């Protein structure tokens, strides 16, 4: 049994995804392939049901603002909506691991809508229940690249940041179970740096690569 298989066996769980867009579909699709149970939640119940049907393999839908079934909750909504979502859920998110995948990029695509000394993840943590743990992850990957998964010789790196070691271990194990490579960047304040990677990607698309079929990752030498 290889490392990925061991991780899958140890960490099979229910993953709740709040959102119904491209990233929700990509993470949900990889999750069911890895053997996880997926719960899709959205304000729009029609979209939630459609995504659950698209994901298949027993994916279910949950009620918006009810306690999510999963211990890991993926916040797969745009940043401009995520703070309102977290506020509406309030104590229903108590004790959960909240995975923030957002990028709080302003409309000029060169700055952020968050305070200069903060990040999207830190803003979420400031309003989440005290015993919820926020982990930044997945924000440096395009949804279509993530959905396609890694190719031979080209792993997909998922950079993470968070203040709670146990939460990061759980999220790292989840990421590994999807066949991806978690890369811990440190405490939650590093989320700001990860969000800058979104601006880096936008700059590459505009000035050099000219398309979005790429991922930012680490090449390990030697």
N, C-alpha and C. Protein backbone atom coordinates (compact mmCIF):
# COMPACT_ATOMS: atom_id res chain seq x y z
N UNK A 1 0.85 -1.19 0.00
CA UNK A 1 0.00 0.00 0.00
C UNK A 1 0.88 1.24 0.00
N UNK A 2 0.70 2.13 -0.98
CA UNK A 2 1.54 3.32 -1.05
C UNK A 2 1.03 4.41 -0.10
N UNK A 3 1.78 5.53 -0.04
CA UNK A 3 1.45 6.59 0.91
C UNK A 3 0.06 7.17 0.65
N UNK A 4 -0.26 7.42 -0.63
CA UNK A 4 -1.57 7.99 -0.95
C UNK A 4 -2.69 7.06 -0.52
N UNK A 5 -2.53 5.75 -0.75
CA UNK A 5 -3.55 4.78 -0.36
C UNK A 5 -3.72 4.75 1.16
N UNK A 6 -2.60 4.83 1.89
CA UNK A 6 -2.69 4.85 3.36
C UNK A 6 -3.41 6.09 3.84
N UNK A 7 -3.11 7.24 3.23
CA UNK A 7 -3.77 8.49 3.61
C UNK A 7 -5.26 8.38 3.36
N UNK A 8 -5.63 7.83 2.19
CA UNK A 8 -7.05 7.68 1.86
C UNK A 8 -7.76 6.84 2.90
N UNK A 9 -7.15 5.71 3.28
CA UNK A 9 -7.79 4.81 4.22
C UNK A 9 -7.96 5.48 5.59
N UNK A 10 -6.97 6.26 6.01
CA UNK A 10 -7.00 6.87 7.34
C UNK A 10 -7.95 8.06 7.42
N UNK A 11 -8.15 8.76 6.32
CA UNK A 11 -8.84 10.04 6.39
C UNK A 11 -10.09 10.12 5.50
N UNK A 12 -10.72 8.99 5.23
CA UNK A 12 -11.99 9.04 4.53
C UNK A 12 -13.00 9.78 5.40
N UNK A 13 -13.68 10.72 4.85
CA UNK A 13 -14.57 11.53 5.67
C UNK A 13 -15.60 12.23 4.79
N UNK A 14 -16.50 12.94 5.45
CA UNK A 14 -17.46 13.78 4.73
C UNK A 14 -16.87 15.18 4.57
N UNK A 15 -16.90 15.67 3.36
CA UNK A 15 -16.41 17.00 3.04
C UNK A 15 -17.60 17.85 2.65
N UNK A 16 -17.82 18.94 3.36
CA UNK A 16 -18.91 19.86 3.01
C UNK A 16 -18.35 21.01 2.17
N UNK A 17 -19.02 21.32 1.08
CA UNK A 17 -18.59 22.39 0.19
C UNK A 17 -19.70 23.42 0.10
N UNK A 18 -19.41 24.64 0.55
CA UNK A 18 -20.38 25.73 0.43
C UNK A 18 -20.04 26.48 -0.85
N UNK A 19 -20.92 26.37 -1.84
CA UNK A 19 -20.68 26.97 -3.14
C UNK A 19 -21.04 26.00 -4.24
N UNK A 20 -21.24 26.52 -5.44
CA UNK A 20 -21.66 25.65 -6.54
C UNK A 20 -20.98 26.01 -7.86
N UNK A 21 -19.86 26.71 -7.78
CA UNK A 21 -19.14 27.13 -8.98
C UNK A 21 -18.07 26.15 -9.41
N UNK A 22 -17.12 26.66 -10.22
CA UNK A 22 -16.09 25.81 -10.80
C UNK A 22 -15.17 25.16 -9.78
N UNK A 23 -14.75 25.91 -8.76
CA UNK A 23 -13.87 25.33 -7.75
C UNK A 23 -14.61 24.30 -6.90
N UNK A 24 -15.88 24.56 -6.59
CA UNK A 24 -16.67 23.58 -5.85
C UNK A 24 -16.77 22.29 -6.64
N UNK A 25 -17.00 22.40 -7.95
CA UNK A 25 -17.10 21.22 -8.80
C UNK A 25 -15.78 20.47 -8.87
N UNK A 26 -14.67 21.21 -8.99
CA UNK A 26 -13.36 20.57 -9.10
C UNK A 26 -12.99 19.83 -7.82
N UNK A 27 -13.14 20.49 -6.68
CA UNK A 27 -12.79 19.86 -5.40
C UNK A 27 -13.76 18.71 -5.11
N UNK A 28 -15.04 18.92 -5.38
CA UNK A 28 -16.01 17.87 -5.15
C UNK A 28 -15.75 16.65 -6.00
N UNK A 29 -15.42 16.87 -7.28
CA UNK A 29 -15.15 15.76 -8.18
C UNK A 29 -13.95 14.94 -7.74
N UNK A 30 -12.87 15.61 -7.38
CA UNK A 30 -11.68 14.90 -6.91
C UNK A 30 -11.97 14.17 -5.59
N UNK A 31 -12.81 14.78 -4.76
CA UNK A 31 -13.09 14.20 -3.44
C UNK A 31 -13.83 12.87 -3.55
N UNK A 32 -14.85 12.82 -4.40
CA UNK A 32 -15.59 11.56 -4.52
C UNK A 32 -14.73 10.49 -5.18
N UNK A 33 -13.87 10.87 -6.11
CA UNK A 33 -12.97 9.90 -6.72
C UNK A 33 -12.02 9.32 -5.68
N UNK A 34 -11.68 10.13 -4.67
CA UNK A 34 -10.78 9.68 -3.61
C UNK A 34 -11.51 8.87 -2.54
N UNK A 35 -12.83 8.78 -2.62
CA UNK A 35 -13.58 7.99 -1.67
C UNK A 35 -14.26 8.75 -0.57
N UNK A 36 -14.16 10.08 -0.59
CA UNK A 36 -14.84 10.90 0.41
C UNK A 36 -16.32 11.02 0.08
N UNK A 37 -17.11 11.28 1.09
CA UNK A 37 -18.51 11.64 0.90
C UNK A 37 -18.59 13.15 0.78
N UNK A 38 -19.30 13.65 -0.21
CA UNK A 38 -19.36 15.10 -0.46
C UNK A 38 -20.77 15.62 -0.22
N UNK A 39 -20.85 16.70 0.54
CA UNK A 39 -22.09 17.43 0.76
C UNK A 39 -21.96 18.79 0.09
N UNK A 40 -22.89 19.12 -0.81
CA UNK A 40 -22.89 20.41 -1.51
C UNK A 40 -23.95 21.30 -0.88
N UNK A 41 -23.56 22.54 -0.58
CA UNK A 41 -24.48 23.48 0.06
C UNK A 41 -24.44 24.79 -0.72
N UNK A 42 -25.61 25.36 -0.97
CA UNK A 42 -25.69 26.64 -1.67
C UNK A 42 -26.98 27.34 -1.28
N UNK A 43 -26.96 28.68 -1.32
CA UNK A 43 -28.21 29.42 -1.14
C UNK A 43 -29.23 29.00 -2.20
N UNK A 44 -28.71 28.70 -3.40
CA UNK A 44 -29.55 28.29 -4.52
C UNK A 44 -29.63 26.76 -4.51
N UNK A 45 -30.75 26.23 -4.02
CA UNK A 45 -30.88 24.78 -3.88
C UNK A 45 -30.88 24.06 -5.23
N UNK A 46 -31.36 24.74 -6.26
CA UNK A 46 -31.35 24.13 -7.59
C UNK A 46 -29.92 23.91 -8.06
N UNK A 47 -29.05 24.91 -7.87
CA UNK A 47 -27.66 24.78 -8.25
C UNK A 47 -26.95 23.72 -7.40
N UNK A 48 -27.29 23.65 -6.12
CA UNK A 48 -26.68 22.65 -5.24
C UNK A 48 -27.03 21.25 -5.72
N UNK A 49 -28.31 21.02 -6.04
CA UNK A 49 -28.72 19.70 -6.51
C UNK A 49 -28.06 19.35 -7.84
N UNK A 50 -27.96 20.35 -8.73
CA UNK A 50 -27.34 20.11 -10.03
C UNK A 50 -25.88 19.73 -9.88
N UNK A 51 -25.17 20.41 -8.97
CA UNK A 51 -23.76 20.10 -8.77
C UNK A 51 -23.60 18.72 -8.12
N UNK A 52 -24.44 18.41 -7.15
CA UNK A 52 -24.37 17.09 -6.52
C UNK A 52 -24.59 15.99 -7.54
N UNK A 53 -25.53 16.21 -8.46
CA UNK A 53 -25.78 15.23 -9.53
C UNK A 53 -24.58 15.13 -10.47
N UNK A 54 -23.97 16.28 -10.76
CA UNK A 54 -22.79 16.30 -11.62
C UNK A 54 -21.64 15.54 -10.97
N UNK A 55 -21.43 15.77 -9.68
CA UNK A 55 -20.35 15.10 -8.95
C UNK A 55 -20.63 13.61 -8.87
N UNK A 56 -21.87 13.26 -8.58
CA UNK A 56 -22.28 11.87 -8.53
C UNK A 56 -21.70 11.11 -7.34
N UNK A 57 -21.67 9.79 -7.46
CA UNK A 57 -21.08 8.91 -6.45
C UNK A 57 -21.57 9.23 -5.04
N UNK A 58 -22.89 9.42 -4.91
CA UNK A 58 -23.47 9.60 -3.59
C UNK A 58 -23.38 10.99 -3.02
N UNK A 59 -22.95 11.98 -3.80
CA UNK A 59 -22.90 13.36 -3.31
C UNK A 59 -24.30 13.80 -2.90
N UNK A 60 -24.39 14.50 -1.77
CA UNK A 60 -25.67 14.94 -1.25
C UNK A 60 -25.73 16.46 -1.20
N UNK A 61 -26.89 16.99 -0.86
CA UNK A 61 -27.03 18.43 -0.65
C UNK A 61 -27.42 18.69 0.79
N UNK A 62 -26.95 19.82 1.32
CA UNK A 62 -27.29 20.22 2.67
C UNK A 62 -28.09 21.51 2.66
N UNK A 63 -28.67 21.83 3.78
CA UNK A 63 -29.46 23.04 3.91
C UNK A 63 -28.56 24.22 4.26
N UNK A 64 -28.72 25.32 3.55
CA UNK A 64 -27.93 26.51 3.81
C UNK A 64 -28.20 27.01 5.23
N UNK A 65 -27.12 27.30 5.95
CA UNK A 65 -27.10 27.79 7.34
C UNK A 65 -27.30 26.70 8.38
N UNK A 66 -27.59 25.46 7.96
CA UNK A 66 -27.64 24.35 8.90
C UNK A 66 -26.21 23.88 9.18
N UNK A 67 -26.01 23.14 10.25
CA UNK A 67 -24.67 22.64 10.58
C UNK A 67 -24.18 21.72 9.45
N UNK A 68 -23.04 22.02 8.83
CA UNK A 68 -22.52 21.15 7.77
C UNK A 68 -22.20 19.76 8.30
N UNK A 69 -22.38 18.76 7.45
CA UNK A 69 -22.12 17.39 7.88
C UNK A 69 -20.64 17.11 8.06
N UNK A 70 -19.81 17.77 7.28
CA UNK A 70 -18.38 17.49 7.32
C UNK A 70 -17.63 18.25 8.38
N UNK A 71 -16.55 17.65 8.88
CA UNK A 71 -15.65 18.38 9.78
C UNK A 71 -14.81 19.39 9.00
N UNK A 72 -14.56 19.08 7.73
CA UNK A 72 -13.86 20.01 6.84
C UNK A 72 -14.89 20.68 5.96
N UNK A 73 -14.92 22.02 5.99
CA UNK A 73 -15.89 22.80 5.22
C UNK A 73 -15.13 23.68 4.24
N UNK A 74 -15.33 23.44 2.96
CA UNK A 74 -14.67 24.23 1.92
C UNK A 74 -15.51 25.47 1.63
N UNK A 75 -14.94 26.64 1.81
CA UNK A 75 -15.64 27.90 1.52
C UNK A 75 -15.37 28.26 0.07
N UNK A 76 -16.21 27.73 -0.83
CA UNK A 76 -16.00 27.87 -2.27
C UNK A 76 -16.95 28.90 -2.86
N UNK A 77 -16.98 30.07 -2.25
CA UNK A 77 -17.76 31.18 -2.77
C UNK A 77 -16.82 32.36 -2.98
N UNK A 78 -17.17 33.34 -3.81
CA UNK A 78 -16.29 34.49 -4.02
C UNK A 78 -16.03 35.24 -2.71
N UNK A 79 -14.88 35.90 -2.65
CA UNK A 79 -14.55 36.61 -1.41
C UNK A 79 -15.61 37.64 -1.04
N UNK A 80 -16.17 38.33 -2.02
CA UNK A 80 -17.16 39.37 -1.72
C UNK A 80 -18.42 38.80 -1.06
N UNK A 81 -18.59 37.48 -1.12
CA UNK A 81 -19.76 36.84 -0.49
C UNK A 81 -19.38 36.05 0.76
N UNK A 82 -18.10 35.69 0.90
CA UNK A 82 -17.75 34.70 1.93
C UNK A 82 -17.95 35.21 3.35
N UNK A 83 -17.68 36.49 3.61
CA UNK A 83 -17.84 37.00 4.97
C UNK A 83 -19.30 36.97 5.39
N UNK A 84 -20.19 37.31 4.47
CA UNK A 84 -21.61 37.25 4.76
C UNK A 84 -22.05 35.82 5.03
N UNK A 85 -21.52 34.87 4.26
CA UNK A 85 -21.85 33.46 4.46
C UNK A 85 -21.41 33.00 5.85
N UNK A 86 -20.19 33.33 6.23
CA UNK A 86 -19.69 32.92 7.54
C UNK A 86 -20.51 33.55 8.66
N UNK A 87 -20.89 34.81 8.49
CA UNK A 87 -21.73 35.47 9.50
C UNK A 87 -23.10 34.80 9.60
N UNK A 88 -23.68 34.42 8.47
CA UNK A 88 -24.99 33.78 8.50
C UNK A 88 -24.93 32.41 9.16
N UNK A 89 -23.86 31.69 8.91
CA UNK A 89 -23.72 30.37 9.55
C UNK A 89 -23.45 30.49 11.04
N UNK A 90 -22.66 31.48 11.40
CA UNK A 90 -22.33 31.75 12.81
C UNK A 90 -21.90 30.46 13.53
N UNK A 91 -22.58 30.13 14.65
CA UNK A 91 -22.15 29.01 15.48
C UNK A 91 -22.36 27.65 14.81
N UNK A 92 -23.03 27.61 13.67
CA UNK A 92 -23.16 26.34 12.94
C UNK A 92 -21.80 25.86 12.43
N UNK A 93 -20.80 26.77 12.40
CA UNK A 93 -19.45 26.41 11.97
C UNK A 93 -18.52 26.13 13.14
N UNK A 94 -19.05 26.15 14.34
CA UNK A 94 -18.22 25.91 15.53
C UNK A 94 -17.55 24.54 15.45
N UNK A 95 -16.27 24.51 15.74
CA UNK A 95 -15.52 23.26 15.76
C UNK A 95 -15.12 22.74 14.39
N UNK A 96 -15.48 23.43 13.32
CA UNK A 96 -15.17 22.98 11.97
C UNK A 96 -13.81 23.51 11.51
N UNK A 97 -13.23 22.80 10.55
CA UNK A 97 -12.06 23.30 9.84
C UNK A 97 -12.57 24.00 8.59
N UNK A 98 -12.33 25.30 8.49
CA UNK A 98 -12.83 26.09 7.37
C UNK A 98 -11.69 26.30 6.38
N UNK A 99 -11.84 25.78 5.20
CA UNK A 99 -10.81 25.92 4.17
C UNK A 99 -11.18 27.09 3.27
N UNK A 100 -10.39 28.15 3.37
CA UNK A 100 -10.63 29.37 2.59
C UNK A 100 -9.88 29.26 1.28
N UNK A 101 -10.61 29.26 0.16
CA UNK A 101 -9.98 29.17 -1.16
C UNK A 101 -10.06 30.49 -1.92
N UNK A 102 -10.50 31.56 -1.24
CA UNK A 102 -10.80 32.81 -1.94
C UNK A 102 -9.57 33.65 -2.25
N UNK A 103 -9.76 34.57 -3.18
CA UNK A 103 -8.76 35.59 -3.49
C UNK A 103 -9.45 36.95 -3.47
N UNK A 104 -9.15 37.78 -2.48
CA UNK A 104 -9.84 39.07 -2.34
C UNK A 104 -9.27 40.16 -3.25
N UNK A 105 -9.23 39.87 -4.54
CA UNK A 105 -8.63 40.78 -5.51
C UNK A 105 -9.63 41.87 -5.89
N UNK A 106 -9.15 43.10 -5.93
CA UNK A 106 -10.00 44.23 -6.31
C UNK A 106 -10.26 44.22 -7.82
N UNK A 107 -11.20 45.04 -8.25
CA UNK A 107 -11.60 45.06 -9.66
C UNK A 107 -10.48 45.53 -10.60
N UNK A 108 -9.44 46.19 -10.04
CA UNK A 108 -8.33 46.61 -10.90
C UNK A 108 -7.34 45.48 -11.15
N UNK A 109 -7.54 44.33 -10.47
CA UNK A 109 -6.69 43.14 -10.61
C UNK A 109 -5.23 43.37 -10.24
N UNK A 110 -4.97 44.44 -9.49
CA UNK A 110 -3.60 44.70 -9.04
C UNK A 110 -3.52 44.95 -7.54
N UNK A 111 -4.67 44.92 -6.85
CA UNK A 111 -4.70 45.20 -5.41
C UNK A 111 -5.77 44.33 -4.75
N UNK A 112 -5.92 44.54 -3.45
CA UNK A 112 -6.86 43.73 -2.69
C UNK A 112 -7.93 44.59 -2.03
N UNK A 113 -9.05 43.96 -1.70
CA UNK A 113 -10.12 44.67 -1.00
C UNK A 113 -10.00 44.52 0.51
N UNK A 114 -9.00 43.78 0.97
CA UNK A 114 -8.76 43.59 2.39
C UNK A 114 -7.80 44.67 2.91
N UNK A 115 -7.76 44.90 4.23
CA UNK A 115 -6.80 45.86 4.79
C UNK A 115 -5.37 45.46 4.46
N UNK A 116 -4.48 46.45 4.44
CA UNK A 116 -3.09 46.20 4.05
C UNK A 116 -2.38 45.23 4.98
N UNK A 117 -2.81 45.15 6.23
CA UNK A 117 -2.14 44.27 7.19
C UNK A 117 -2.90 42.97 7.42
N UNK A 118 -3.78 42.62 6.49
CA UNK A 118 -4.61 41.44 6.68
C UNK A 118 -4.69 40.64 5.38
N UNK A 119 -5.54 39.62 5.39
CA UNK A 119 -5.76 38.77 4.23
C UNK A 119 -7.21 38.30 4.27
N UNK A 120 -7.66 37.71 3.18
CA UNK A 120 -9.01 37.16 3.18
C UNK A 120 -9.20 36.13 4.27
N UNK A 121 -8.21 35.25 4.43
CA UNK A 121 -8.30 34.20 5.44
C UNK A 121 -8.36 34.77 6.85
N UNK A 122 -7.56 35.80 7.10
CA UNK A 122 -7.56 36.41 8.44
C UNK A 122 -8.88 37.13 8.72
N UNK A 123 -9.45 37.74 7.69
CA UNK A 123 -10.75 38.40 7.87
C UNK A 123 -11.83 37.36 8.18
N UNK A 124 -11.77 36.21 7.52
CA UNK A 124 -12.71 35.14 7.82
C UNK A 124 -12.52 34.65 9.26
N UNK A 125 -11.26 34.44 9.66
CA UNK A 125 -10.98 33.96 11.01
C UNK A 125 -11.48 34.93 12.08
N UNK A 126 -11.48 36.22 11.76
CA UNK A 126 -11.88 37.23 12.75
C UNK A 126 -13.37 37.19 13.07
N UNK A 127 -14.18 36.60 12.16
CA UNK A 127 -15.63 36.57 12.40
C UNK A 127 -16.16 35.15 12.59
N UNK A 128 -15.31 34.15 12.37
CA UNK A 128 -15.73 32.76 12.55
C UNK A 128 -15.82 32.43 14.04
N UNK A 129 -16.55 31.38 14.41
CA UNK A 129 -16.57 30.96 15.81
C UNK A 129 -15.17 30.73 16.35
N UNK A 130 -14.98 31.00 17.62
CA UNK A 130 -13.64 30.95 18.22
C UNK A 130 -12.98 29.59 18.07
N UNK A 131 -13.77 28.50 18.07
CA UNK A 131 -13.17 27.18 17.98
C UNK A 131 -13.17 26.61 16.56
N UNK A 132 -13.52 27.43 15.59
CA UNK A 132 -13.34 27.03 14.19
C UNK A 132 -11.90 27.35 13.79
N UNK A 133 -11.32 26.51 12.95
CA UNK A 133 -9.94 26.71 12.51
C UNK A 133 -9.93 27.00 11.02
N UNK A 134 -9.33 28.13 10.65
CA UNK A 134 -9.27 28.54 9.24
C UNK A 134 -7.93 28.13 8.64
N UNK A 135 -7.99 27.46 7.51
CA UNK A 135 -6.79 27.08 6.77
C UNK A 135 -6.94 27.60 5.34
N UNK A 136 -5.95 28.32 4.89
CA UNK A 136 -5.92 28.79 3.50
C UNK A 136 -5.42 27.66 2.61
N UNK A 137 -6.09 27.42 1.49
CA UNK A 137 -5.66 26.37 0.57
C UNK A 137 -6.37 26.53 -0.77
N UNK A 138 -5.80 25.95 -1.80
CA UNK A 138 -6.38 25.85 -3.14
C UNK A 138 -6.49 27.17 -3.90
N UNK A 139 -6.14 28.30 -3.29
CA UNK A 139 -6.40 29.58 -3.97
C UNK A 139 -5.43 29.88 -5.10
N UNK A 140 -4.35 29.10 -5.22
CA UNK A 140 -3.37 29.37 -6.28
C UNK A 140 -3.60 28.50 -7.51
N UNK A 141 -4.68 27.71 -7.52
CA UNK A 141 -4.97 26.82 -8.65
C UNK A 141 -6.22 27.28 -9.40
N UNK A 142 -6.17 27.21 -10.71
CA UNK A 142 -7.36 27.45 -11.52
C UNK A 142 -8.27 26.24 -11.45
N UNK A 143 -9.58 26.47 -11.51
CA UNK A 143 -10.53 25.37 -11.33
C UNK A 143 -10.35 24.29 -12.40
N UNK A 144 -10.13 24.69 -13.66
CA UNK A 144 -10.01 23.69 -14.72
C UNK A 144 -8.72 22.88 -14.60
N UNK A 145 -7.66 23.50 -14.09
CA UNK A 145 -6.41 22.78 -13.86
C UNK A 145 -6.59 21.79 -12.71
N UNK A 146 -7.25 22.24 -11.66
CA UNK A 146 -7.51 21.37 -10.52
C UNK A 146 -8.39 20.19 -10.92
N UNK A 147 -9.44 20.45 -11.69
CA UNK A 147 -10.37 19.40 -12.10
C UNK A 147 -9.66 18.33 -12.93
N UNK A 148 -8.71 18.75 -13.76
CA UNK A 148 -7.98 17.80 -14.60
C UNK A 148 -7.03 16.94 -13.78
N UNK A 149 -6.58 17.45 -12.63
CA UNK A 149 -5.69 16.70 -11.76
C UNK A 149 -4.25 16.72 -12.26
N UNK A 150 -3.35 16.12 -11.49
CA UNK A 150 -1.93 16.14 -11.87
C UNK A 150 -1.67 15.22 -13.07
N UNK A 151 -0.62 15.53 -13.79
CA UNK A 151 -0.16 14.67 -14.86
C UNK A 151 1.17 14.07 -14.47
N UNK A 152 1.57 13.01 -15.13
CA UNK A 152 2.81 12.31 -14.76
C UNK A 152 4.01 13.25 -14.81
N UNK A 153 4.72 13.30 -13.72
CA UNK A 153 5.90 14.15 -13.64
C UNK A 153 5.60 15.59 -13.31
N UNK A 154 4.33 15.94 -13.20
CA UNK A 154 3.95 17.32 -12.91
C UNK A 154 2.89 17.34 -11.80
N UNK A 155 3.33 17.22 -10.53
CA UNK A 155 2.36 17.26 -9.43
C UNK A 155 1.72 18.63 -9.32
N UNK A 156 0.52 18.65 -8.78
CA UNK A 156 -0.14 19.92 -8.49
C UNK A 156 0.08 20.25 -7.03
N UNK A 157 0.72 21.39 -6.77
CA UNK A 157 0.99 21.81 -5.41
C UNK A 157 -0.16 22.65 -4.87
N UNK A 158 -0.56 22.33 -3.65
CA UNK A 158 -1.59 23.10 -2.95
C UNK A 158 -0.92 23.75 -1.75
N UNK A 159 -0.72 25.05 -1.81
CA UNK A 159 -0.07 25.78 -0.72
C UNK A 159 -1.10 26.05 0.37
N UNK A 160 -0.69 25.82 1.61
CA UNK A 160 -1.61 26.02 2.73
C UNK A 160 -0.97 26.92 3.79
N UNK A 161 -1.81 27.56 4.57
CA UNK A 161 -1.36 28.38 5.70
C UNK A 161 -2.41 28.30 6.79
N UNK A 162 -1.97 28.28 8.03
CA UNK A 162 -2.91 28.22 9.14
C UNK A 162 -2.19 28.25 10.47
N UNK A 163 -2.92 28.60 11.50
CA UNK A 163 -2.32 28.72 12.84
C UNK A 163 -2.41 27.46 13.67
N UNK A 164 -3.31 26.53 13.30
CA UNK A 164 -3.51 25.34 14.10
C UNK A 164 -2.87 24.13 13.41
N UNK A 165 -1.90 23.52 14.08
CA UNK A 165 -1.16 22.42 13.49
C UNK A 165 -2.03 21.21 13.15
N UNK A 166 -2.96 20.88 14.05
CA UNK A 166 -3.81 19.72 13.80
C UNK A 166 -4.72 19.96 12.59
N UNK A 167 -5.25 21.18 12.47
CA UNK A 167 -6.10 21.50 11.33
C UNK A 167 -5.30 21.39 10.03
N UNK A 168 -4.07 21.88 10.03
CA UNK A 168 -3.26 21.80 8.82
C UNK A 168 -2.92 20.35 8.49
N UNK A 169 -2.72 19.53 9.51
CA UNK A 169 -2.46 18.11 9.26
C UNK A 169 -3.66 17.45 8.61
N UNK A 170 -4.87 17.76 9.10
CA UNK A 170 -6.08 17.20 8.51
C UNK A 170 -6.25 17.65 7.06
N UNK A 171 -6.05 18.95 6.81
CA UNK A 171 -6.21 19.47 5.46
C UNK A 171 -5.13 18.90 4.54
N UNK A 172 -3.91 18.77 5.04
CA UNK A 172 -2.83 18.19 4.24
C UNK A 172 -3.15 16.76 3.84
N UNK A 173 -3.69 15.98 4.81
CA UNK A 173 -4.05 14.60 4.51
C UNK A 173 -5.17 14.54 3.48
N UNK A 174 -6.13 15.45 3.58
CA UNK A 174 -7.21 15.53 2.59
C UNK A 174 -6.63 15.83 1.21
N UNK A 175 -5.73 16.81 1.13
CA UNK A 175 -5.12 17.18 -0.14
C UNK A 175 -4.36 16.00 -0.74
N UNK A 176 -3.58 15.29 0.10
CA UNK A 176 -2.85 14.13 -0.38
C UNK A 176 -3.79 13.06 -0.90
N UNK A 177 -4.93 12.89 -0.25
CA UNK A 177 -5.88 11.87 -0.67
C UNK A 177 -6.43 12.15 -2.06
N UNK A 178 -6.38 13.41 -2.49
CA UNK A 178 -6.85 13.80 -3.83
C UNK A 178 -5.76 13.60 -4.89
N UNK A 179 -4.59 13.14 -4.46
CA UNK A 179 -3.48 12.96 -5.39
C UNK A 179 -2.69 14.23 -5.62
N UNK A 180 -2.87 15.21 -4.74
CA UNK A 180 -2.18 16.50 -4.85
C UNK A 180 -1.10 16.60 -3.78
N UNK A 181 -0.24 17.61 -3.88
CA UNK A 181 0.87 17.75 -2.95
C UNK A 181 0.70 18.98 -2.07
N UNK A 182 0.43 18.77 -0.77
CA UNK A 182 0.31 19.93 0.12
C UNK A 182 1.68 20.52 0.43
N UNK A 183 1.74 21.85 0.46
CA UNK A 183 2.97 22.56 0.79
C UNK A 183 2.64 23.58 1.87
N UNK A 184 3.08 23.31 3.09
CA UNK A 184 2.79 24.18 4.24
C UNK A 184 3.69 25.41 4.17
N UNK A 185 3.07 26.59 4.18
CA UNK A 185 3.84 27.83 4.11
C UNK A 185 3.95 28.55 5.45
N UNK A 186 3.30 28.01 6.49
CA UNK A 186 3.42 28.63 7.80
C UNK A 186 2.11 29.11 8.37
N UNK A 187 2.16 30.08 9.29
CA UNK A 187 0.96 30.58 9.98
C UNK A 187 -0.03 31.26 9.04
N UNK A 188 -1.18 31.59 9.58
CA UNK A 188 -2.26 32.13 8.75
C UNK A 188 -1.90 33.46 8.11
N UNK A 189 -1.00 34.24 8.72
CA UNK A 189 -0.65 35.52 8.10
C UNK A 189 0.02 35.32 6.73
N UNK A 190 0.52 34.10 6.47
CA UNK A 190 1.10 33.81 5.16
C UNK A 190 0.03 33.73 4.07
N UNK A 191 -1.25 33.69 4.46
CA UNK A 191 -2.33 33.69 3.47
C UNK A 191 -2.23 34.92 2.57
N UNK A 192 -1.77 36.03 3.13
CA UNK A 192 -1.61 37.25 2.33
C UNK A 192 -0.64 37.00 1.17
N UNK A 193 0.45 36.30 1.46
CA UNK A 193 1.42 35.97 0.42
C UNK A 193 0.81 35.04 -0.62
N UNK A 194 0.03 34.07 -0.17
CA UNK A 194 -0.63 33.16 -1.11
C UNK A 194 -1.64 33.89 -1.98
N UNK A 195 -2.30 34.88 -1.42
CA UNK A 195 -3.24 35.67 -2.22
C UNK A 195 -2.51 36.52 -3.26
N UNK A 196 -1.28 36.93 -2.93
CA UNK A 196 -0.48 37.64 -3.93
C UNK A 196 -0.15 36.73 -5.12
N UNK A 197 -0.12 35.42 -4.88
CA UNK A 197 0.15 34.50 -5.98
C UNK A 197 -0.94 34.57 -7.04
N UNK A 198 -2.14 34.95 -6.63
CA UNK A 198 -3.21 35.16 -7.62
C UNK A 198 -2.85 36.32 -8.54
N UNK A 199 -2.33 37.40 -7.97
CA UNK A 199 -1.90 38.53 -8.80
C UNK A 199 -0.75 38.12 -9.71
N UNK A 200 0.13 37.26 -9.20
CA UNK A 200 1.23 36.75 -10.02
C UNK A 200 0.67 35.99 -11.23
N UNK A 201 -0.32 35.13 -10.98
CA UNK A 201 -0.92 34.37 -12.08
C UNK A 201 -1.57 35.29 -13.10
N UNK A 202 -2.28 36.30 -12.61
CA UNK A 202 -2.93 37.25 -13.53
C UNK A 202 -1.90 37.99 -14.36
N UNK A 203 -0.77 38.34 -13.74
CA UNK A 203 0.29 39.01 -14.48
C UNK A 203 0.90 38.11 -15.54
N UNK A 204 1.09 36.83 -15.20
CA UNK A 204 1.64 35.88 -16.17
C UNK A 204 0.70 35.70 -17.36
N UNK A 205 -0.60 35.62 -17.07
CA UNK A 205 -1.59 35.46 -18.14
C UNK A 205 -1.55 36.68 -19.07
N UNK A 206 -1.45 37.85 -18.49
CA UNK A 206 -1.50 39.09 -19.26
C UNK A 206 -0.23 39.34 -20.07
N UNK A 207 0.93 39.04 -19.46
CA UNK A 207 2.17 39.52 -20.07
C UNK A 207 3.07 38.44 -20.66
N UNK A 208 2.87 37.18 -20.32
CA UNK A 208 3.81 36.19 -20.87
C UNK A 208 3.15 34.89 -21.31
N UNK A 209 2.45 34.21 -20.44
CA UNK A 209 1.92 32.89 -20.79
C UNK A 209 0.72 32.99 -21.73
N UNK A 210 -0.11 34.01 -21.52
CA UNK A 210 -1.25 34.30 -22.41
C UNK A 210 -2.38 33.28 -22.34
N UNK A 211 -2.35 32.36 -21.38
CA UNK A 211 -3.46 31.43 -21.16
C UNK A 211 -3.40 30.98 -19.70
N UNK A 212 -4.40 30.22 -19.27
CA UNK A 212 -4.47 29.82 -17.86
C UNK A 212 -4.29 28.33 -17.64
N UNK A 213 -3.67 27.67 -18.61
CA UNK A 213 -3.43 26.23 -18.46
C UNK A 213 -2.07 26.00 -17.81
N UNK A 214 -1.92 26.47 -16.59
CA UNK A 214 -0.67 26.29 -15.86
C UNK A 214 -0.96 26.31 -14.36
N UNK A 215 0.03 25.89 -13.59
CA UNK A 215 -0.09 25.97 -12.14
C UNK A 215 1.23 26.46 -11.57
N UNK A 216 1.15 27.11 -10.43
CA UNK A 216 2.35 27.56 -9.73
C UNK A 216 2.74 26.48 -8.74
N UNK A 217 3.98 26.02 -8.82
CA UNK A 217 4.40 24.94 -7.94
C UNK A 217 5.88 25.02 -7.60
N UNK A 218 6.36 23.98 -6.92
CA UNK A 218 7.73 23.91 -6.47
C UNK A 218 8.44 22.77 -7.18
N UNK A 219 9.62 23.03 -7.71
CA UNK A 219 10.47 21.98 -8.28
C UNK A 219 11.53 21.64 -7.26
N UNK A 220 11.53 20.40 -6.79
CA UNK A 220 12.49 19.95 -5.79
C UNK A 220 13.72 19.41 -6.50
N UNK A 221 14.86 20.03 -6.26
CA UNK A 221 16.11 19.67 -6.95
C UNK A 221 16.97 18.77 -6.07
N UNK A 222 17.51 17.74 -6.67
CA UNK A 222 18.40 16.86 -5.94
C UNK A 222 17.69 15.88 -5.04
